[in-house]
C-alpha atoms as a PDB file:
ATOM      1  CA  MET A   1      24.759  -8.655   0.629  1.00  0.00           C
ATOM      2  CA  ARG A   2      23.820  -9.671   4.300  1.00  0.00           C
ATOM      3  CA  THR A   3      23.190  -6.060   5.077  1.00  0.00           C
ATOM      4  CA  LEU A   4      20.721  -5.614   2.227  1.00  0.00           C
ATOM      5  CA  PHE A   5      19.082  -8.954   3.223  1.00  0.00           C
ATOM      6  CA  LEU A   6      18.777  -7.672   6.902  1.00  0.00           C
ATOM      7  CA  ILE A   7      17.120  -4.404   5.816  1.00  0.00           C
ATOM      8  CA  VAL A   8      14.600  -6.133   3.439  1.00  0.00           C
ATOM      9  CA  LEU A   9      13.789  -8.470   6.333  1.00  0.00           C
ATOM     10  CA  PHE A  10      13.128  -5.746   8.911  1.00  0.00           C
ATOM     11  CA  ALA A  11      11.224  -3.562   6.395  1.00  0.00           C
ATOM     12  CA  SER A  12       8.816  -6.609   5.694  1.00  0.00           C
ATOM     13  CA  VAL A  13       8.278  -7.404   9.263  1.00  0.00           C
ATOM     14  CA  ALA A  14       7.670  -3.607   9.862  1.00  0.00           C
ATOM     15  CA  LEU A  15       5.149  -3.516   7.033  1.00  0.00           C
ATOM     16  CA  ALA A  16       3.463  -6.769   8.054  1.00  0.00           C
ATOM     17  CA  ASP A  17       3.025  -5.188  11.692  1.00  0.00           C
ATOM     18  CA  GLY A  18       1.417  -1.988  10.287  1.00  0.00           C
ATOM     19  CA  ALA A  19      -0.923  -4.147   7.962  1.00  0.00           C
ATOM     20  CA  SER A  20      -2.091  -6.114  10.981  1.00  0.00           C
ATOM     21  CA  ASP A  21      -2.758  -2.833  13.006  1.00  0.00           C
ATOM     22  CA  HIS A  22      -4.750  -1.633   9.948  1.00  0.00           C
ATOM     23  CA  VAL A  23      -6.738  -4.799   9.818  1.00  0.00           C
ATOM     24  CA  LYS A  24      -7.803  -4.275  13.496  1.00  0.00           C
ATOM     25  CA  LEU A  25      -9.782  -1.297  12.469  1.00  0.00           C
ATOM     26  CA  THR A  26     -12.110  -3.377  10.287  1.00  0.00           C
ATOM     27  CA  GLY A  27     -15.560  -4.062  11.869  1.00  0.00           C
ATOM     28  CA  THR A  28     -18.597  -2.423  13.173  1.00  0.00           C
ATOM     29  CA  TRP A  29     -18.224   0.014  16.087  1.00  0.00           C
ATOM     30  CA  GLN A  30     -20.997   1.078  18.427  1.00  0.00           C
ATOM     31  CA  PRO A  31     -20.898   3.630  21.128  1.00  0.00           C
ATOM     32  CA  VAL A  32     -19.639   2.734  24.550  1.00  0.00           C
ATOM     33  CA  GLU A  33     -21.765   5.405  26.054  1.00  0.00           C
ATOM     34  CA  GLY A  34     -24.293   7.811  24.795  1.00  0.00           C
ATOM     35  CA  THR A  35     -22.430   9.226  21.787  1.00  0.00           C
ATOM     36  CA  ASP A  36     -25.520  10.361  20.184  1.00  0.00           C
ATOM     37  CA  GLY A  37     -26.096   6.927  18.632  1.00  0.00           C
ATOM     38  CA  VAL A  38     -23.199   7.085  16.071  1.00  0.00           C
ATOM     39  CA  THR A  39     -21.960   3.666  14.631  1.00  0.00           C
ATOM     40  CA  TRP A  40     -19.022   3.348  12.399  1.00  0.00           C
ATOM     41  CA  ILE A  41     -18.246   0.480  10.017  1.00  0.00           C
ATOM     42  CA  LEU A  42     -14.768   0.362   8.609  1.00  0.00           C
ATOM     43  CA  ASP A  43     -13.679  -2.001   5.827  1.00  0.00           C
ATOM     44  CA  ASN A  44     -10.171  -2.184   4.692  1.00  0.00           C
ATOM     45  CA  THR A  45      -9.484  -3.024   0.760  1.00  0.00           C
ATOM     46  CA  SER A  46      -6.211  -3.231  -0.794  1.00  0.00           C
ATOM     47  CA  ASN A  47      -5.410   0.388  -1.198  1.00  0.00           C
ATOM     48  CA  ALA A  48      -8.613   2.179   0.439  1.00  0.00           C
ATOM     49  CA  VAL A  49     -10.837   2.225   3.446  1.00  0.00           C
ATOM     50  CA  LYS A  50     -14.663   2.226   3.123  1.00  0.00           C
ATOM     51  CA  ILE A  51     -16.307   4.054   5.944  1.00  0.00           C
ATOM     52  CA  THR A  52     -19.824   3.913   6.660  1.00  0.00           C
ATOM     53  CA  GLN A  53     -21.418   6.225   9.559  1.00  0.00           C
ATOM     54  CA  SER A  54     -24.920   5.772  10.884  1.00  0.00           C
ATOM     55  CA  GLN A  55     -26.675   7.923  13.554  1.00  0.00           C
ATOM     56  CA  ASN A  56     -29.597   6.273  15.432  1.00  0.00           C
ATOM     57  CA  GLY A  57     -29.864   3.696  12.648  1.00  0.00           C
ATOM     58  CA  GLN A  58     -29.827   6.008   9.649  1.00  0.00           C
ATOM     59  CA  LYS A  59     -26.886   6.036   7.229  1.00  0.00           C
ATOM     60  CA  VAL A  60     -25.320   9.450   7.400  1.00  0.00           C
ATOM     61  CA  SER A  61     -22.444   8.912   5.065  1.00  0.00           C
ATOM     62  CA  GLU A  62     -20.719   6.124   3.064  1.00  0.00           C
ATOM     63  CA  PHE A  63     -17.529   6.544   1.017  1.00  0.00           C
ATOM     64  CA  GLU A  64     -14.453   4.644  -0.103  1.00  0.00           C
ATOM     65  CA  CYS A  65     -11.205   6.531  -0.380  1.00  0.00           C
ATOM     66  CA  ASN A  66      -7.649   5.638  -1.037  1.00  0.00           C
ATOM     67  CA  VAL A  67      -5.156   5.833   1.872  1.00  0.00           C
ATOM     68  CA  ALA A  68      -2.521   7.586   0.088  1.00  0.00           C
ATOM     69  CA  GLY A  69      -3.680  11.199   0.964  1.00  0.00           C
ATOM     70  CA  LYS A  70      -5.517  11.821  -2.387  1.00  0.00           C
ATOM     71  CA  GLU A  71      -8.749  13.766  -2.035  1.00  0.00           C
ATOM     72  CA  CYS A  72     -12.028  12.016  -2.629  1.00  0.00           C
ATOM     73  CA  GLU A  73     -15.429  13.677  -3.292  1.00  0.00           C
ATOM     74  CA  VAL A  74     -17.968  12.423  -0.876  1.00  0.00           C
ATOM     75  CA  SER A  75     -21.424  13.317   0.468  1.00  0.00           C
ATOM     76  CA  ASP A  76     -21.591  13.765   4.196  1.00  0.00           C
ATOM     77  CA  ASN A  77     -25.261  13.962   5.699  1.00  0.00           C
ATOM     78  CA  GLY A  78     -26.274  15.172   2.424  1.00  0.00           C
ATOM     79  CA  HIS A  79     -23.523  17.785   1.955  1.00  0.00           C
ATOM     80  CA  LYS A  80     -20.597  17.609  -0.592  1.00  0.00           C
ATOM     81  CA  ALA A  81     -17.373  17.322   1.051  1.00  0.00           C
ATOM     82  CA  LYS A  82     -13.629  16.380   0.353  1.00  0.00           C
ATOM     83  CA  VAL A  83     -11.876  13.703   2.322  1.00  0.00           C
ATOM     84  CA  SER A  84      -8.388  12.656   2.399  1.00  0.00           C
ATOM     85  CA  MET A  85      -7.035   9.693   4.299  1.00  0.00           C
ATOM     86  CA  TRP A  86      -3.826   8.025   5.273  1.00  0.00           C
ATOM     87  CA  PHE A  87      -2.129   5.835   7.922  1.00  0.00           C
ATOM     88  CA  ASN A  88       0.123   7.301  10.661  1.00  0.00           C
ATOM     89  CA  GLY A  89       1.517   4.257  12.095  1.00  0.00           C
ATOM     90  CA  ALA A  90      -1.512   2.255  13.318  1.00  0.00           C
ATOM     91  CA  LYS A  91      -3.796   5.234  13.275  1.00  0.00           C
ATOM     92  CA  LEU A  92      -6.030   5.913  10.277  1.00  0.00           C
ATOM     93  CA  VAL A  93      -6.286   9.722   9.844  1.00  0.00           C
ATOM     94  CA  GLU A  94      -9.079  11.270   7.887  1.00  0.00           C
ATOM     95  CA  LEU A  95      -9.241  15.025   6.945  1.00  0.00           C
ATOM     96  CA  GLU A  96     -12.584  16.267   5.943  1.00  0.00           C
ATOM     97  CA  THR A  97     -13.355  19.681   4.106  1.00  0.00           C
ATOM     98  CA  ARG A  98     -16.788  20.608   3.945  1.00  0.00           C
ATOM     99  CA  GLY A  99     -17.301  24.220   2.939  1.00  0.00           C
ATOM    100  CA  SER A 100     -15.203  26.253   4.994  1.00  0.00           C
ATOM    101  CA  GLU A 101     -14.953  23.720   7.905  1.00  0.00           C
ATOM    102  CA  VAL A 102     -12.146  21.207   8.316  1.00  0.00           C
ATOM    103  CA  VAL A 103     -12.126  18.448  10.656  1.00  0.00           C
ATOM    104  CA  LYS A 104      -9.553  15.979  11.373  1.00  0.00           C
ATOM    105  CA  ARG A 105     -10.333  12.405  12.746  1.00  0.00           C
ATOM    106  CA  ARG A 106      -7.813   9.667  13.908  1.00  0.00           C
ATOM    107  CA  PHE A 107      -9.134   6.235  14.305  1.00  0.00           C
ATOM    108  CA  SER A 108      -7.091   3.774  16.463  1.00  0.00           C
ATOM    109  CA  VAL A 109      -7.696   0.545  18.198  1.00  0.00           C
ATOM    110  CA  VAL A 110      -6.927   0.491  21.890  1.00  0.00           C
ATOM    111  CA  GLN A 111      -5.711  -2.946  23.009  1.00  0.00           C
ATOM    112  CA  PRO A 112      -6.192  -5.003  24.969  1.00  0.00           C
ATOM    113  CA  ASP A 113      -9.641  -3.873  25.439  1.00  0.00           C
ATOM    114  CA  ASP A 114     -10.335  -3.697  21.730  1.00  0.00           C
ATOM    115  CA  PHE A 115     -11.944  -0.321  21.657  1.00  0.00           C
ATOM    116  CA  LEU A 116     -12.029   1.986  18.845  1.00  0.00           C
ATOM    117  CA  GLU A 117     -10.884   5.527  19.628  1.00  0.00           C
ATOM    118  CA  VAL A 118     -11.831   8.291  17.370  1.00  0.00           C
ATOM    119  CA  GLU A 119     -10.194  11.688  17.966  1.00  0.00           C
ATOM    120  CA  VAL A 120     -12.398  14.480  16.597  1.00  0.00           C
ATOM    121  CA  ILE A 121     -10.055  17.508  16.080  1.00  0.00           C
ATOM    122  CA  PRO A 122     -11.643  20.746  14.684  1.00  0.00           C
ATOM    123  CA  VAL A 123      -9.091  22.495  12.392  1.00  0.00           C
ATOM    124  CA  VAL A 124     -11.081  25.478  10.921  1.00  0.00           C
ATOM    125  CA  PRO A 125     -12.721  26.894  12.901  1.00  0.00           C
ATOM    126  CA  GLY A 126     -10.516  25.662  15.762  1.00  0.00           C
ATOM    127  CA  GLY A 127     -12.063  24.164  18.878  1.00  0.00           C
ATOM    128  CA  LYS A 128     -11.802  21.669  21.433  1.00  0.00           C
ATOM    129  CA  THR A 129     -10.606  18.034  20.535  1.00  0.00           C
ATOM    130  CA  GLU A 130     -12.918  15.246  21.484  1.00  0.00           C
ATOM    131  CA  THR A 131     -12.185  11.773  21.812  1.00  0.00           C
ATOM    132  CA  LEU A 132     -15.031   9.115  21.378  1.00  0.00           C
ATOM    133  CA  ARG A 133     -14.940   5.424  22.237  1.00  0.00           C
ATOM    134  CA  PHE A 134     -16.607   2.568  20.616  1.00  0.00           C
ATOM    135  CA  HIS A 135     -16.843  -1.061  21.131  1.00  0.00           C
ATOM    136  CA  ARG A 136     -16.866  -3.710  18.464  1.00  0.00           C
ATOM    137  CA  ALA A 137     -20.318  -4.923  17.804  1.00  0.00           C
ATOM    138  CA  GLN A 138     -20.957  -8.534  18.422  1.00  0.00           C
ATOM    139  CA  LEU A 139     -22.132 -10.755  15.583  1.00  0.00           C
ATOM    140  CA  THR A 140     -25.749 -12.092  16.386  1.00  0.00           C
ATOM    141  CA  ALA A 141     -26.532 -15.731  15.430  1.00  0.00           C
ATOM    142  CA  ALA A 142     -28.371 -14.355  12.252  1.00  0.00           C
ATOM    143  CA  GLY A 143     -25.227 -12.412  11.189  1.00  0.00           C
ATOM    144  CA  ARG A 144     -22.997 -15.251  11.290  1.00  0.00           C
END
């Protein structure tokens, strides 16, 4: 009985740590350097993540998808696409299929600097992996 209690205790602590890592992704993220004006907004709900991507102030895509790996139909910059998302530890993984192109993105918060790193991995056609860095947007007095 004591062994079962310890297993449940450790599992709940591990899940709580994972949940707190997932919450760290929530927020508005702006480019650190000139990453072509891309801004990401990530918002966690109970079983899904809502992602809004803007470029130079214009909304490019906005969708909410489960984090169980089930495909969602989305519109990305006016093009139909399918997206699957799941957590791999503290990283949010997004797999986007648009036509014959497949791109994998991994979102993670780098501590203690509180930066968002987005790894962009071209799967089909293959290509060079790119890592982009974003900082958390500061709330203005009007936004509080």
